[in-house]
Amino acid sequence: MEPDRLNSPSTFTMNLEVLGHDLQFAQDPNSKHLGTTVWDASLVFVKFLEKNCRKGRFSPAKLKGKRVIELGAGCGVAGFGMALLGCDVVTTDQVEVLPLLMRNVERNTSRITQMNSDTFGSIEAAELSWGDKDHIRAVGPPFDYIIGTDVVYKENLLEPLLQTMFALSGPKTTILIGYEIRSTSVHEQMLQMWRRNFDVKTVPNSKMDSTYQHPDIQLYIMTLKPPEGYADNAVEVIDEKDDELETGEEEAAKVIDQKVDEVETSAENTVKVIGEKDDEVESSKEKGENSYLDEEVEEDCEPVTRPQNGKLTDWEARRYGSMAARLLHDIKIT
């Protein structure tokens, strides 16, 4: 038996709890535009964030202040999920959908700010038609995250979406897409296109909310593939570093040899001085100048400050340990 749908396109308003906030999304089922309905992939997306926000890459600590753009936002559900985790979100769609999207942004921002949310970032609505250079320039790329849900349902949308994602991306941009399979042909073409340009990972069902998932709805996490020639350049850099290391080792060996010579010379000089002192002591004993000898020994035995590379005191060790702990506090070792 096929699971029940999560939302009915015939409802005018949908209430949804997202990360402890009761949000309300207006819809327009009489509109001729598909973007005026809350589709199920956006619910799976936002509940995935909710389930995985306690730690890791989707925690508020990691997402705070990250710039996010939502493509084909429709009613704006996915964008609010990211904003509630601390992101600064620009949620976008075509001009026909923008009035409804702006109304949802204003209404739900007001509801969230009234609750004094500690983690809420920001969210604003903007027009963006895929491939429009003026629209892309106006939103201020690059972004840390590009998100979208149910943004592709026709073959002719694949190329404009890809080019827009490229234009909005930087070297470290992460792309999160929620997608419901409606056409096998479109789905296969989409995946082929994405895999040529991105490293694509499919989120397993175990990572999704147990209720908000569906056999036909998938979530993808994608990052840009390194440019062609990147591996060759990396090898060249490694070779250069190896050459530098070898040169450095040779120089270090020379320095060590010099230091050894200095130490040997110093040792010889020390032996001579000790011999001279022994002669002086013997001479002093013979002359009975013991008081002069005592004064000279006291001068020679004055405390010497610890060299820089000597053993640390307990106090210094504690201070360095504290500094290291602060540096490592947020680093997760895997």
C-alpha atoms as a PDB file:
ATOM      1  CA  MET A   1       0.000   0.000   0.000  1.00  0.00           C
ATOM      2  CA  GLU A   2       1.408   3.390  -0.992  1.00  0.00           C
ATOM      3  CA  PRO A   3       2.081   5.709   1.965  1.00  0.00           C
ATOM      4  CA  ASP A   4      -0.281   8.614   2.491  1.00  0.00           C
ATOM      5  CA  ARG A   5       0.673  11.933   0.978  1.00  0.00           C
ATOM      6  CA  LEU A   6       2.107  14.401   3.467  1.00  0.00           C
ATOM      7  CA  ASN A   7       0.263  17.445   2.184  1.00  0.00           C
ATOM      8  CA  SER A   8      -2.800  18.053   0.056  1.00  0.00           C
ATOM      9  CA  PRO A   9      -2.502  20.690  -2.704  1.00  0.00           C
ATOM     10  CA  SER A  10      -6.132  21.639  -2.092  1.00  0.00           C
ATOM     11  CA  THR A  11      -5.487  23.209   1.319  1.00  0.00           C
ATOM     12  CA  PHE A  12      -5.066  27.001   1.432  1.00  0.00           C
ATOM     13  CA  THR A  13      -2.907  27.100   4.579  1.00  0.00           C
ATOM     14  CA  MET A  14      -0.582  24.504   5.987  1.00  0.00           C
ATOM     15  CA  ASN A  15       0.572  24.475   9.611  1.00  0.00           C
ATOM     16  CA  LEU A  16       3.947  22.877  10.205  1.00  0.00           C
ATOM     17  CA  GLU A  17       6.126  22.552  13.290  1.00  0.00           C
ATOM     18  CA  VAL A  18       9.753  23.172  12.356  1.00  0.00           C
ATOM     19  CA  LEU A  19      12.497  22.962  15.001  1.00  0.00           C
ATOM     20  CA  GLY A  20      10.051  23.768  17.793  1.00  0.00           C
ATOM     21  CA  HIS A  21       8.326  26.636  15.953  1.00  0.00           C
ATOM     22  CA  ASP A  22       4.726  26.523  14.728  1.00  0.00           C
ATOM     23  CA  LEU A  23       4.913  27.938  11.218  1.00  0.00           C
ATOM     24  CA  GLN A  24       2.098  28.655   8.803  1.00  0.00           C
ATOM     25  CA  PHE A  25       2.523  28.489   5.030  1.00  0.00           C
ATOM     26  CA  ALA A  26      -0.045  30.013   2.721  1.00  0.00           C
ATOM     27  CA  GLN A  27      -0.776  28.176  -0.534  1.00  0.00           C
ATOM     28  CA  ASP A  28      -2.767  29.002  -3.646  1.00  0.00           C
ATOM     29  CA  PRO A  29      -4.210  25.781  -5.072  1.00  0.00           C
ATOM     30  CA  ASN A  30      -6.103  27.765  -7.744  1.00  0.00           C
ATOM     31  CA  SER A  31      -2.897  29.198  -9.159  1.00  0.00           C
ATOM     32  CA  LYS A  32      -1.674  27.981 -12.530  1.00  0.00           C
ATOM     33  CA  HIS A  33       1.865  27.972 -11.148  1.00  0.00           C
ATOM     34  CA  LEU A  34       3.176  24.831  -9.429  1.00  0.00           C
ATOM     35  CA  GLY A  35       5.281  26.917  -7.036  1.00  0.00           C
ATOM     36  CA  THR A  36       2.289  28.043  -4.993  1.00  0.00           C
ATOM     37  CA  THR A  37       1.886  24.631  -3.334  1.00  0.00           C
ATOM     38  CA  VAL A  38       3.887  23.060  -0.482  1.00  0.00           C
ATOM     39  CA  TRP A  39       5.198  19.863  -2.050  1.00  0.00           C
ATOM     40  CA  ASP A  40       6.257  16.839  -0.059  1.00  0.00           C
ATOM     41  CA  ALA A  41       9.979  16.978  -0.841  1.00  0.00           C
ATOM     42  CA  SER A  42      10.232  20.265   1.077  1.00  0.00           C
ATOM     43  CA  LEU A  43       8.722  18.604   4.149  1.00  0.00           C
ATOM     44  CA  VAL A  44      11.152  15.671   3.909  1.00  0.00           C
ATOM     45  CA  PHE A  45      13.996  18.194   3.549  1.00  0.00           C
ATOM     46  CA  VAL A  46      13.103  20.321   6.568  1.00  0.00           C
ATOM     47  CA  LYS A  47      12.438  17.315   8.791  1.00  0.00           C
ATOM     48  CA  PHE A  48      15.791  15.864   7.722  1.00  0.00           C
ATOM     49  CA  LEU A  49      17.428  19.064   9.014  1.00  0.00           C
ATOM     50  CA  GLU A  50      15.436  18.773  12.230  1.00  0.00           C
ATOM     51  CA  LYS A  51      16.609  15.201  12.826  1.00  0.00           C
ATOM     52  CA  ASN A  52      20.282  15.916  12.084  1.00  0.00           C
ATOM     53  CA  CYS A  53      20.733  19.324  13.734  1.00  0.00           C
ATOM     54  CA  ARG A  54      21.921  18.173  17.158  1.00  0.00           C
ATOM     55  CA  LYS A  55      25.510  17.693  16.027  1.00  0.00           C
ATOM     56  CA  GLY A  56      27.640  17.680  12.934  1.00  0.00           C
ATOM     57  CA  ARG A  57      27.472  19.794   9.796  1.00  0.00           C
ATOM     58  CA  PHE A  58      23.790  20.731  10.208  1.00  0.00           C
ATOM     59  CA  SER A  59      24.054  21.919  13.810  1.00  0.00           C
ATOM     60  CA  PRO A  60      23.451  25.609  14.572  1.00  0.00           C
ATOM     61  CA  ALA A  61      27.072  25.880  15.708  1.00  0.00           C
ATOM     62  CA  LYS A  62      28.242  24.892  12.214  1.00  0.00           C
ATOM     63  CA  LEU A  63      25.559  26.754  10.226  1.00  0.00           C
ATOM     64  CA  LYS A  64      25.421  30.065  12.079  1.00  0.00           C
ATOM     65  CA  GLY A  65      26.070  32.911   9.651  1.00  0.00           C
ATOM     66  CA  LYS A  66      26.301  30.689   6.559  1.00  0.00           C
ATOM     67  CA  ARG A  67      24.859  32.226   3.392  1.00  0.00           C
ATOM     68  CA  VAL A  68      22.145  30.119   1.783  1.00  0.00           C
ATOM     69  CA  ILE A  69      20.111  30.565  -1.398  1.00  0.00           C
ATOM     70  CA  GLU A  70      16.957  28.564  -2.080  1.00  0.00           C
ATOM     71  CA  LEU A  71      16.072  28.010  -5.738  1.00  0.00           C
ATOM     72  CA  GLY A  72      12.477  27.529  -6.837  1.00  0.00           C
ATOM     73  CA  ALA A  73      11.440  28.140  -3.240  1.00  0.00           C
ATOM     74  CA  GLY A  74       7.680  28.156  -3.827  1.00  0.00           C
ATOM     75  CA  CYS A  75       6.211  28.645  -0.353  1.00  0.00           C
ATOM     76  CA  GLY A  76       9.649  28.781   1.334  1.00  0.00           C
ATOM     77  CA  VAL A  77       9.534  25.781   3.661  1.00  0.00           C
ATOM     78  CA  ALA A  78      13.116  24.560   3.105  1.00  0.00           C
ATOM     79  CA  GLY A  79      14.521  28.078   3.432  1.00  0.00           C
ATOM     80  CA  PHE A  80      12.943  28.487   6.858  1.00  0.00           C
ATOM     81  CA  GLY A  81      14.543  25.248   8.001  1.00  0.00           C
ATOM     82  CA  MET A  82      18.001  26.649   7.222  1.00  0.00           C
ATOM     83  CA  ALA A  83      17.183  30.081   8.704  1.00  0.00           C
ATOM     84  CA  LEU A  84      16.062  28.474  11.977  1.00  0.00           C
ATOM     85  CA  LEU A  85      19.498  26.845  12.214  1.00  0.00           C
ATOM     86  CA  GLY A  86      21.234  30.220  12.021  1.00  0.00           C
ATOM     87  CA  CYS A  87      21.739  30.720   8.288  1.00  0.00           C
ATOM     88  CA  ASP A  88      21.182  33.946   6.368  1.00  0.00           C
ATOM     89  CA  VAL A  89      18.828  32.802   3.622  1.00  0.00           C
ATOM     90  CA  VAL A  90      17.789  34.337   0.309  1.00  0.00           C
ATOM     91  CA  THR A  91      14.739  32.414  -0.830  1.00  0.00           C
ATOM     92  CA  THR A  92      13.957  32.886  -4.537  1.00  0.00           C
ATOM     93  CA  ASP A  93      11.424  32.117  -7.244  1.00  0.00           C
ATOM     94  CA  GLN A  94       9.884  33.568 -10.389  1.00  0.00           C
ATOM     95  CA  VAL A  95       7.971  36.818 -10.283  1.00  0.00           C
ATOM     96  CA  GLU A  96       4.567  35.079 -10.426  1.00  0.00           C
ATOM     97  CA  VAL A  97       5.283  33.204  -7.177  1.00  0.00           C
ATOM     98  CA  LEU A  98       7.032  36.041  -5.359  1.00  0.00           C
ATOM     99  CA  PRO A  99       3.938  37.674  -3.697  1.00  0.00           C
ATOM    100  CA  LEU A 100       2.977  34.410  -1.971  1.00  0.00           C
ATOM    101  CA  LEU A 101       6.587  33.685  -1.014  1.00  0.00           C
ATOM    102  CA  MET A 102       7.036  37.160   0.463  1.00  0.00           C
ATOM    103  CA  ARG A 103       3.841  36.789   2.463  1.00  0.00           C
ATOM    104  CA  ASN A 104       5.089  33.518   3.985  1.00  0.00           C
ATOM    105  CA  VAL A 105       8.478  35.069   4.763  1.00  0.00           C
ATOM    106  CA  GLU A 106       6.915  38.057   6.528  1.00  0.00           C
ATOM    107  CA  ARG A 107       4.321  36.036   8.428  1.00  0.00           C
ATOM    108  CA  ASN A 108       6.666  33.350   9.715  1.00  0.00           C
ATOM    109  CA  THR A 109       9.557  35.716  10.472  1.00  0.00           C
ATOM    110  CA  SER A 110       7.164  37.615  12.712  1.00  0.00           C
ATOM    111  CA  ARG A 111       6.054  34.412  14.458  1.00  0.00           C
ATOM    112  CA  ILE A 112       9.660  33.338  15.058  1.00  0.00           C
ATOM    113  CA  THR A 113      10.909  36.689  16.349  1.00  0.00           C
ATOM    114  CA  GLN A 114       8.010  36.860  18.802  1.00  0.00           C
ATOM    115  CA  MET A 115       9.316  33.638  20.351  1.00  0.00           C
ATOM    116  CA  ASN A 116      12.825  35.175  20.713  1.00  0.00           C
ATOM    117  CA  SER A 117      14.562  32.312  18.929  1.00  0.00           C
ATOM    118  CA  ASP A 118      18.264  32.092  19.848  1.00  0.00           C
ATOM    119  CA  THR A 119      19.333  30.361  16.653  1.00  0.00           C
ATOM    120  CA  PHE A 120      17.277  32.164  13.983  1.00  0.00           C
ATOM    121  CA  GLY A 121      19.430  33.803  11.304  1.00  0.00           C
ATOM    122  CA  SER A 122      17.546  35.750   8.660  1.00  0.00           C
ATOM    123  CA  ILE A 123      15.457  35.169   5.546  1.00  0.00           C
ATOM    124  CA  GLU A 124      14.429  37.384   2.651  1.00  0.00           C
ATOM    125  CA  ALA A 125      12.660  36.798  -0.660  1.00  0.00           C
ATOM    126  CA  ALA A 126      14.027  37.761  -4.071  1.00  0.00           C
ATOM    127  CA  GLU A 127      13.189  37.198  -7.720  1.00  0.00           C
ATOM    128  CA  LEU A 128      15.461  34.808  -9.580  1.00  0.00           C
ATOM    129  CA  SER A 129      14.730  33.293 -12.972  1.00  0.00           C
ATOM    130  CA  TRP A 130      17.316  30.645 -13.770  1.00  0.00           C
ATOM    131  CA  GLY A 131      19.966  31.866 -16.153  1.00  0.00           C
ATOM    132  CA  ASP A 132      19.132  35.555 -15.651  1.00  0.00           C
ATOM    133  CA  LYS A 133      22.524  37.205 -15.085  1.00  0.00           C
ATOM    134  CA  ASP A 134      21.021  40.361 -13.546  1.00  0.00           C
ATOM    135  CA  HIS A 135      19.010  38.334 -11.030  1.00  0.00           C
ATOM    136  CA  ILE A 136      22.064  36.221 -10.153  1.00  0.00           C
ATOM    137  CA  ARG A 137      24.272  39.296  -9.727  1.00  0.00           C
ATOM    138  CA  ALA A 138      21.649  40.969  -7.533  1.00  0.00           C
ATOM    139  CA  VAL A 139      21.592  38.176  -4.903  1.00  0.00           C
ATOM    140  CA  GLY A 140      25.380  38.418  -4.394  1.00  0.00           C
ATOM    141  CA  PRO A 141      27.006  35.042  -5.011  1.00  0.00           C
ATOM    142  CA  PRO A 142      28.822  32.920  -4.015  1.00  0.00           C
ATOM    143  CA  PHE A 143      26.836  31.123  -1.324  1.00  0.00           C
ATOM    144  CA  ASP A 144      27.869  28.539   1.246  1.00  0.00           C
ATOM    145  CA  TYR A 145      24.776  26.449   0.488  1.00  0.00           C
ATOM    146  CA  ILE A 146      22.409  26.162  -2.465  1.00  0.00           C
ATOM    147  CA  ILE A 147      19.170  24.374  -1.622  1.00  0.00           C
ATOM    148  CA  GLY A 148      16.049  23.398  -3.522  1.00  0.00           C
ATOM    149  CA  THR A 149      13.139  20.964  -3.381  1.00  0.00           C
ATOM    150  CA  ASP A 150      11.109  19.650  -6.304  1.00  0.00           C
ATOM    151  CA  VAL A 151      12.760  22.137  -8.637  1.00  0.00           C
ATOM    152  CA  VAL A 152      12.942  19.894 -11.735  1.00  0.00           C
ATOM    153  CA  TYR A 153      10.026  18.226 -13.492  1.00  0.00           C
ATOM    154  CA  LYS A 154      10.839  18.890 -17.187  1.00  0.00           C
ATOM    155  CA  GLU A 155      13.918  18.140 -19.271  1.00  0.00           C
ATOM    156  CA  ASN A 156      14.245  21.725 -20.519  1.00  0.00           C
ATOM    157  CA  LEU A 157      14.825  22.927 -16.909  1.00  0.00           C
ATOM    158  CA  LEU A 158      17.928  20.795 -16.332  1.00  0.00           C
ATOM    159  CA  GLU A 159      20.499  22.928 -18.168  1.00  0.00           C
ATOM    160  CA  PRO A 160      19.289  26.347 -16.842  1.00  0.00           C
ATOM    161  CA  LEU A 161      19.302  24.932 -13.284  1.00  0.00           C
ATOM    162  CA  LEU A 162      22.845  23.579 -13.708  1.00  0.00           C
ATOM    163  CA  GLN A 163      24.185  26.868 -15.093  1.00  0.00           C
ATOM    164  CA  THR A 164      22.496  28.825 -12.305  1.00  0.00           C
ATOM    165  CA  MET A 165      24.010  26.552  -9.644  1.00  0.00           C
ATOM    166  CA  PHE A 166      27.443  27.098 -11.205  1.00  0.00           C
ATOM    167  CA  ALA A 167      26.939  30.871 -11.193  1.00  0.00           C
ATOM    168  CA  LEU A 168      25.909  30.885  -7.520  1.00  0.00           C
ATOM    169  CA  SER A 169      28.686  28.562  -6.328  1.00  0.00           C
ATOM    170  CA  GLY A 170      32.119  29.090  -4.863  1.00  0.00           C
ATOM    171  CA  PRO A 171      34.859  26.464  -4.397  1.00  0.00           C
ATOM    172  CA  LYS A 172      33.377  25.264  -1.096  1.00  0.00           C
ATOM    173  CA  THR A 173      29.647  25.506  -1.860  1.00  0.00           C
ATOM    174  CA  THR A 174      27.439  22.594  -0.785  1.00  0.00           C
ATOM    175  CA  ILE A 175      24.243  21.868  -2.724  1.00  0.00           C
ATOM    176  CA  LEU A 176      21.253  20.194  -1.021  1.00  0.00           C
ATOM    177  CA  ILE A 177      18.413  19.034  -3.250  1.00  0.00           C
ATOM    178  CA  GLY A 178      15.173  17.284  -2.312  1.00  0.00           C
ATOM    179  CA  TYR A 179      13.543  15.593  -5.268  1.00  0.00           C
ATOM    180  CA  GLU A 180      10.458  13.477  -5.942  1.00  0.00           C
ATOM    181  CA  ILE A 181      10.756  11.131  -8.895  1.00  0.00           C
ATOM    182  CA  ARG A 182       7.852  11.794 -11.261  1.00  0.00           C
ATOM    183  CA  SER A 183       9.505  11.001 -14.589  1.00  0.00           C
ATOM    184  CA  THR A 184      12.119   8.236 -14.835  1.00  0.00           C
ATOM    185  CA  SER A 185      13.560   9.821 -17.965  1.00  0.00           C
ATOM    186  CA  VAL A 186      14.009  13.267 -16.376  1.00  0.00           C
ATOM    187  CA  HIS A 187      15.407  11.691 -13.211  1.00  0.00           C
ATOM    188  CA  GLU A 188      18.054   9.700 -15.099  1.00  0.00           C
ATOM    189  CA  GLN A 189      19.118  12.692 -17.201  1.00  0.00           C
ATOM    190  CA  MET A 190      19.308  14.855 -14.095  1.00  0.00           C
ATOM    191  CA  LEU A 191      21.552  12.393 -12.244  1.00  0.00           C
ATOM    192  CA  GLN A 192      23.847  11.933 -15.269  1.00  0.00           C
ATOM    193  CA  MET A 193      24.244  15.701 -15.591  1.00  0.00           C
ATOM    194  CA  TRP A 194      24.875  16.175 -11.880  1.00  0.00           C
ATOM    195  CA  ARG A 195      27.380  13.313 -11.628  1.00  0.00           C
ATOM    196  CA  ARG A 196      29.421  14.758 -14.489  1.00  0.00           C
ATOM    197  CA  ASN A 197      29.813  18.018 -12.586  1.00  0.00           C
ATOM    198  CA  PHE A 198      29.394  17.223  -8.887  1.00  0.00           C
ATOM    199  CA  ASP A 199      30.318  14.658  -6.285  1.00  0.00           C
ATOM    200  CA  VAL A 200      26.820  13.348  -5.538  1.00  0.00           C
ATOM    201  CA  LYS A 201      25.773  11.578  -2.338  1.00  0.00           C
ATOM    202  CA  THR A 202      22.283  10.218  -1.719  1.00  0.00           C
ATOM    203  CA  VAL A 203      20.991  10.573   1.842  1.00  0.00           C
ATOM    204  CA  PRO A 204      19.930   7.153   3.207  1.00  0.00           C
ATOM    205  CA  ASN A 205      16.446   6.705   4.625  1.00  0.00           C
ATOM    206  CA  SER A 206      17.952   6.031   8.043  1.00  0.00           C
ATOM    207  CA  LYS A 207      19.081   9.679   8.167  1.00  0.00           C
ATOM    208  CA  MET A 208      15.599  10.974   7.373  1.00  0.00           C
ATOM    209  CA  ASP A 209      12.713  11.539   9.755  1.00  0.00           C
ATOM    210  CA  SER A 210      10.867   8.253  10.283  1.00  0.00           C
ATOM    211  CA  THR A 211       7.516   9.824   9.353  1.00  0.00           C
ATOM    212  CA  TYR A 212       8.530  12.391   6.770  1.00  0.00           C
ATOM    213  CA  GLN A 213       9.941  10.151   4.065  1.00  0.00           C
ATOM    214  CA  HIS A 214       8.581   8.509   0.937  1.00  0.00           C
ATOM    215  CA  PRO A 215       9.965   5.843  -1.444  1.00  0.00           C
ATOM    216  CA  ASP A 216       9.897   8.298  -4.348  1.00  0.00           C
ATOM    217  CA  ILE A 217      11.515  11.229  -2.511  1.00  0.00           C
ATOM    218  CA  GLN A 218      15.284  11.452  -2.355  1.00  0.00           C
ATOM    219  CA  LEU A 219      17.717  13.933  -0.863  1.00  0.00           C
ATOM    220  CA  TYR A 220      21.068  14.672  -2.513  1.00  0.00           C
ATOM    221  CA  ILE A 221      24.135  16.376  -1.065  1.00  0.00           C
ATOM    222  CA  MET A 222      26.521  17.617  -3.760  1.00  0.00           C
ATOM    223  CA  THR A 223      29.819  19.465  -4.012  1.00  0.00           C
ATOM    224  CA  LEU A 224      31.645  20.707  -7.096  1.00  0.00           C
ATOM    225  CA  LYS A 225      34.191  18.351  -8.593  1.00  0.00           C
ATOM    226  CA  PRO A 226      37.771  19.684  -8.716  1.00  0.00           C
ATOM    227  CA  PRO A 227      38.590  21.281 -12.101  1.00  0.00           C
ATOM    228  CA  GLU A 228      40.366  19.226 -14.761  1.00  0.00           C
ATOM    229  CA  GLY A 229      44.099  19.062 -14.228  1.00  0.00           C
ATOM    230  CA  TYR A 230      43.715  19.534 -10.485  1.00  0.00           C
ATOM    231  CA  ALA A 231      45.257  16.129  -9.709  1.00  0.00           C
ATOM    232  CA  ASP A 232      48.235  16.779 -12.003  1.00  0.00           C
ATOM    233  CA  ASN A 233      48.821  20.178 -10.407  1.00  0.00           C
ATOM    234  CA  ALA A 234      48.600  18.602  -6.959  1.00  0.00           C
ATOM    235  CA  VAL A 235      51.305  16.076  -7.924  1.00  0.00           C
ATOM    236  CA  GLU A 236      53.555  18.891  -9.182  1.00  0.00           C
ATOM    237  CA  VAL A 237      53.110  20.780  -5.930  1.00  0.00           C
ATOM    238  CA  ILE A 238      53.969  17.668  -3.928  1.00  0.00           C
ATOM    239  CA  ASP A 239      57.122  17.158  -6.014  1.00  0.00           C
ATOM    240  CA  GLU A 240      58.143  20.768  -5.432  1.00  0.00           C
ATOM    241  CA  LYS A 241      57.609  20.349  -1.701  1.00  0.00           C
ATOM    242  CA  ASP A 242      59.725  17.183  -1.755  1.00  0.00           C
ATOM    243  CA  ASP A 243      62.549  19.083  -3.469  1.00  0.00           C
ATOM    244  CA  GLU A 244      62.271  21.866  -0.898  1.00  0.00           C
ATOM    245  CA  LEU A 245      62.338  19.304   1.892  1.00  0.00           C
ATOM    246  CA  GLU A 246      65.451  17.608   0.492  1.00  0.00           C
ATOM    247  CA  THR A 247      67.188  20.983   0.135  1.00  0.00           C
ATOM    248  CA  GLY A 248      66.143  21.860   3.664  1.00  0.00           C
ATOM    249  CA  GLU A 249      67.516  18.571   4.962  1.00  0.00           C
ATOM    250  CA  GLU A 250      70.869  19.259   3.285  1.00  0.00           C
ATOM    251  CA  GLU A 251      71.017  22.732   4.807  1.00  0.00           C
ATOM    252  CA  ALA A 252      70.039  21.332   8.193  1.00  0.00           C
ATOM    253  CA  ALA A 253      72.818  18.755   7.949  1.00  0.00           C
ATOM    254  CA  LYS A 254      75.350  21.520   7.269  1.00  0.00           C
ATOM    255  CA  VAL A 255      74.103  23.506  10.253  1.00  0.00           C
ATOM    256  CA  ILE A 256      74.302  20.424  12.469  1.00  0.00           C
ATOM    257  CA  ASP A 257      77.886  19.758  11.341  1.00  0.00           C
ATOM    258  CA  GLN A 258      78.796  23.370  12.133  1.00  0.00           C
ATOM    259  CA  LYS A 259      77.193  23.074  15.571  1.00  0.00           C
ATOM    260  CA  VAL A 260      79.063  19.828  16.241  1.00  0.00           C
ATOM    261  CA  ASP A 261      82.336  21.552  15.337  1.00  0.00           C
ATOM    262  CA  GLU A 262      81.445  24.448  17.635  1.00  0.00           C
ATOM    263  CA  VAL A 263      80.623  22.060  20.480  1.00  0.00           C
ATOM    264  CA  GLU A 264      83.867  20.138  19.982  1.00  0.00           C
ATOM    265  CA  THR A 265      85.855  23.399  19.941  1.00  0.00           C
ATOM    266  CA  SER A 266      83.986  24.577  23.033  1.00  0.00           C
ATOM    267  CA  ALA A 267      84.722  21.301  24.788  1.00  0.00           C
ATOM    268  CA  GLU A 268      88.429  21.634  24.018  1.00  0.00           C
ATOM    269  CA  ASN A 269      88.411  25.190  25.364  1.00  0.00           C
ATOM    270  CA  THR A 270      86.563  24.032  28.466  1.00  0.00           C
ATOM    271  CA  VAL A 271      89.191  21.361  29.118  1.00  0.00           C
ATOM    272  CA  LYS A 272      91.897  24.001  28.815  1.00  0.00           C
ATOM    273  CA  VAL A 273      90.082  26.316  31.260  1.00  0.00           C
ATOM    274  CA  ILE A 274      89.580  23.466  33.715  1.00  0.00           C
ATOM    275  CA  GLY A 275      93.267  22.667  33.459  1.00  0.00           C
ATOM    276  CA  GLU A 276      94.152  26.297  34.118  1.00  0.00           C
ATOM    277  CA  LYS A 277      91.770  26.378  37.106  1.00  0.00           C
ATOM    278  CA  ASP A 278      93.304  23.217  38.472  1.00  0.00           C
ATOM    279  CA  ASP A 279      96.725  24.806  38.193  1.00  0.00           C
ATOM    280  CA  GLU A 280      95.427  27.924  39.984  1.00  0.00           C
ATOM    281  CA  VAL A 281      93.882  25.826  42.747  1.00  0.00           C
ATOM    282  CA  GLU A 282      97.079  23.892  43.272  1.00  0.00           C
ATOM    283  CA  SER A 283      98.996  27.165  43.320  1.00  0.00           C
ATOM    284  CA  SER A 284      96.493  28.663  45.821  1.00  0.00           C
ATOM    285  CA  LYS A 285      96.813  25.690  48.104  1.00  0.00           C
ATOM    286  CA  GLU A 286     100.521  26.064  48.062  1.00  0.00           C
ATOM    287  CA  LYS A 287     100.244  29.757  48.888  1.00  0.00           C
ATOM    288  CA  GLY A 288      97.489  29.236  51.485  1.00  0.00           C
ATOM    289  CA  GLU A 289      95.042  31.561  49.681  1.00  0.00           C
ATOM    290  CA  ASN A 290      91.979  29.508  50.550  1.00  0.00           C
ATOM    291  CA  SER A 291      89.699  32.530  51.128  1.00  0.00           C
ATOM    292  CA  TYR A 292      90.359  33.815  47.586  1.00  0.00           C
ATOM    293  CA  LEU A 293      89.568  30.359  46.200  1.00  0.00           C
ATOM    294  CA  ASP A 294      86.221  30.233  48.061  1.00  0.00           C
ATOM    295  CA  GLU A 295      85.143  33.627  46.627  1.00  0.00           C
ATOM    296  CA  GLU A 296      86.024  32.590  43.080  1.00  0.00           C
ATOM    297  CA  VAL A 297      84.117  29.304  43.320  1.00  0.00           C
ATOM    298  CA  GLU A 298      81.018  31.145  44.617  1.00  0.00           C
ATOM    299  CA  GLU A 299      81.129  33.489  41.619  1.00  0.00           C
ATOM    300  CA  ASP A 300      81.437  30.568  39.189  1.00  0.00           C
ATOM    301  CA  CYS A 301      78.457  28.768  40.782  1.00  0.00           C
ATOM    302  CA  GLU A 302      75.841  31.519  40.471  1.00  0.00           C
ATOM    303  CA  PRO A 303      72.445  30.171  39.220  1.00  0.00           C
ATOM    304  CA  VAL A 304      72.201  30.069  35.421  1.00  0.00           C
ATOM    305  CA  THR A 305      68.831  30.796  33.726  1.00  0.00           C
ATOM    306  CA  ARG A 306      67.222  27.769  32.007  1.00  0.00           C
ATOM    307  CA  PRO A 307      67.879  27.733  28.247  1.00  0.00           C
ATOM    308  CA  GLN A 308      64.879  28.216  25.953  1.00  0.00           C
ATOM    309  CA  ASN A 309      64.891  24.606  24.843  1.00  0.00           C
ATOM    310  CA  GLY A 310      65.268  23.252  28.373  1.00  0.00           C
ATOM    311  CA  LYS A 311      62.694  21.323  30.385  1.00  0.00           C
ATOM    312  CA  LEU A 312      59.428  23.170  31.084  1.00  0.00           C
ATOM    313  CA  THR A 313      58.435  23.998  34.612  1.00  0.00           C
ATOM    314  CA  ASP A 314      55.139  22.617  35.882  1.00  0.00           C
ATOM    315  CA  TRP A 315      53.553  26.055  35.525  1.00  0.00           C
ATOM    316  CA  GLU A 316      54.693  26.495  31.925  1.00  0.00           C
ATOM    317  CA  ALA A 317      53.457  23.013  31.061  1.00  0.00           C
ATOM    318  CA  ARG A 318      50.027  23.839  32.484  1.00  0.00           C
ATOM    319  CA  ARG A 319      49.796  27.065  30.431  1.00  0.00           C
ATOM    320  CA  TYR A 320      50.783  25.394  27.184  1.00  0.00           C
ATOM    321  CA  GLY A 321      48.324  22.575  27.885  1.00  0.00           C
ATOM    322  CA  SER A 322      45.529  25.079  28.422  1.00  0.00           C
ATOM    323  CA  MET A 323      46.346  26.832  25.151  1.00  0.00           C
ATOM    324  CA  ALA A 324      46.329  23.531  23.279  1.00  0.00           C
ATOM    325  CA  ALA A 325      42.982  22.578  24.820  1.00  0.00           C
ATOM    326  CA  ARG A 326      41.428  25.836  23.617  1.00  0.00           C
ATOM    327  CA  LEU A 327      42.772  25.311  20.098  1.00  0.00           C
ATOM    328  CA  LEU A 328      41.480  21.736  19.953  1.00  0.00           C
ATOM    329  CA  HIS A 329      38.132  22.476  21.606  1.00  0.00           C
ATOM    330  CA  ASP A 330      36.087  22.592  18.370  1.00  0.00           C
ATOM    331  CA  ILE A 331      38.162  20.118  16.351  1.00  0.00           C
ATOM    332  CA  LYS A 332      36.563  16.735  15.816  1.00  0.00           C
ATOM    333  CA  ILE A 333      39.184  14.055  15.266  1.00  0.00           C
ATOM    334  CA  THR A 334      38.004  11.283  12.972  1.00  0.00           C
END
